Amino acid sequence: MGWVKVALAALQNGERALVQPRGGSMRGRIEDSQKIEISTVTPEDVVPGDVVFIEWKSGYILHLVLEAEPERVLIGNTLGKVNGWAPRKSIVGIVSKVFPL
């Protein structure tokens, strides 16, 4: 996953990341290979409806925040799948822009 490494490097330097992630789990919001911008975010500022770049299990994913509690967020995709609860501290960034196809 080359885009993940690019995003992590940019965010660790306090920069925005411009990437084109692969996959179809966010269809309707982010299409396969669509260019997006990921920015740094304070995890406490994330609200339902945000798309976050988050550490999940043994990797990183872009997913939709479905619910938010003070210490954790419920993430899922745009196809109706609910992945589960993740600690807010696992949020690495937020999708700040989706470029037109």
Protein backbone atom coordinates (compact mmCIF):
# COMPACT_ATOMS: atom_id res chain seq x y z
CA MET A 1 0.00 0.00 0.00
CA GLY A 2 2.14 2.83 -1.26
CA TRP A 3 -0.44 5.52 -0.55
CA VAL A 4 -0.47 4.65 3.16
CA LYS A 5 3.29 5.23 3.47
CA VAL A 6 2.99 8.53 1.61
CA ALA A 7 0.15 9.67 3.86
CA LEU A 8 1.90 8.64 7.08
CA ALA A 9 5.12 10.41 6.09
CA ALA A 10 3.33 13.64 5.18
CA LEU A 11 1.16 13.68 8.30
CA GLN A 12 4.13 12.95 10.59
CA ASN A 13 5.76 16.08 9.12
CA GLY A 14 2.60 18.11 9.77
CA GLU A 15 1.81 18.29 6.05
CA ARG A 16 -1.29 17.39 4.07
CA ALA A 17 -1.11 14.20 2.04
CA LEU A 18 -2.39 13.94 -1.52
CA VAL A 19 -3.04 10.28 -2.31
CA GLN A 20 -5.13 8.02 -4.53
CA PRO A 21 -6.23 5.07 -2.39
CA ARG A 22 -7.39 1.81 -3.94
CA GLY A 23 -10.53 -0.06 -2.97
CA GLY A 24 -14.29 0.08 -3.15
CA SER A 25 -15.45 0.15 0.47
CA MET A 26 -16.07 3.91 0.43
CA ARG A 27 -17.93 3.97 -2.92
CA GLY A 28 -20.19 6.96 -3.31
CA ARG A 29 -17.92 9.06 -1.11
CA ILE A 30 -14.45 8.10 -2.40
CA GLU A 31 -14.10 6.04 -5.56
CA ASP A 32 -11.28 3.61 -6.34
CA SER A 33 -8.11 5.62 -7.14
CA GLN A 34 -9.84 8.97 -6.66
CA LYS A 35 -7.47 11.69 -5.51
CA ILE A 36 -8.03 12.85 -1.92
CA GLU A 37 -6.35 15.10 0.61
CA ILE A 38 -5.73 13.84 4.13
CA SER A 39 -4.96 16.41 6.84
CA THR A 40 -3.94 16.20 10.46
CA VAL A 41 -6.76 16.34 12.98
CA THR A 42 -7.22 16.47 16.71
CA PRO A 43 -8.96 13.14 17.40
CA GLU A 44 -11.37 14.79 19.84
CA ASP A 45 -12.68 17.01 17.01
CA VAL A 46 -13.84 14.06 14.86
CA VAL A 47 -17.62 13.73 14.53
CA PRO A 48 -19.99 11.26 12.86
CA GLY A 49 -19.90 11.68 9.09
CA ASP A 50 -16.17 12.38 8.96
CA VAL A 51 -13.95 10.06 6.94
CA VAL A 52 -10.82 9.28 8.92
CA PHE A 53 -7.44 7.73 8.20
CA ILE A 54 -7.15 5.38 11.13
CA GLU A 55 -4.93 2.62 12.45
CA TRP A 56 -7.07 -0.50 12.39
CA LYS A 57 -5.90 -3.96 13.43
CA SER A 58 -2.53 -4.47 11.74
CA GLY A 59 -2.77 -1.65 9.19
CA TYR A 60 -4.40 1.63 8.22
CA ILE A 61 -7.73 2.29 6.51
CA LEU A 62 -9.97 5.14 5.42
CA HIS A 63 -13.40 4.75 6.97
CA LEU A 64 -16.51 6.61 7.89
CA VAL A 65 -17.18 7.60 11.50
CA LEU A 66 -20.67 6.29 12.30
CA GLU A 67 -20.82 7.21 16.00
CA ALA A 68 -18.53 9.05 18.36
CA GLU A 69 -18.02 8.83 22.10
CA PRO A 70 -15.47 10.73 24.19
CA GLU A 71 -12.81 7.99 24.01
CA ARG A 72 -13.74 6.02 20.89
CA VAL A 73 -15.38 6.09 17.46
CA LEU A 74 -17.46 3.50 15.63
CA ILE A 75 -16.18 3.07 12.08
CA GLY A 76 -17.66 1.49 9.00
CA ASN A 77 -17.86 1.90 5.27
CA THR A 78 -20.37 3.44 2.89
CA LEU A 79 -21.70 0.02 1.93
CA GLY A 80 -23.28 -0.63 5.33
CA LYS A 81 -20.51 -2.65 6.98
CA VAL A 82 -19.71 -1.75 10.56
CA ASN A 83 -16.10 -2.56 11.47
CA GLY A 84 -16.29 -1.77 15.17
CA TRP A 85 -15.12 0.63 17.86
CA ALA A 86 -11.65 2.14 17.71
CA PRO A 87 -9.91 4.37 20.23
CA ARG A 88 -9.77 8.02 19.18
CA LYS A 89 -5.99 7.88 19.65
CA SER A 90 -5.88 5.56 16.60
CA ILE A 91 -7.05 8.38 14.31
CA VAL A 92 -4.10 9.55 12.22
CA GLY A 93 -5.83 12.03 9.91
CA ILE A 94 -9.05 13.17 8.29
CA VAL A 95 -10.11 13.34 4.66
CA SER A 96 -10.24 17.09 4.12
CA LYS A 97 -10.88 17.11 0.36
CA VAL A 98 -12.08 14.72 -2.32
CA PHE A 99 -11.08 15.84 -5.81
CA PRO A 100 -13.51 15.43 -8.71
CA LEU A 101 -13.00 12.39 -10.93
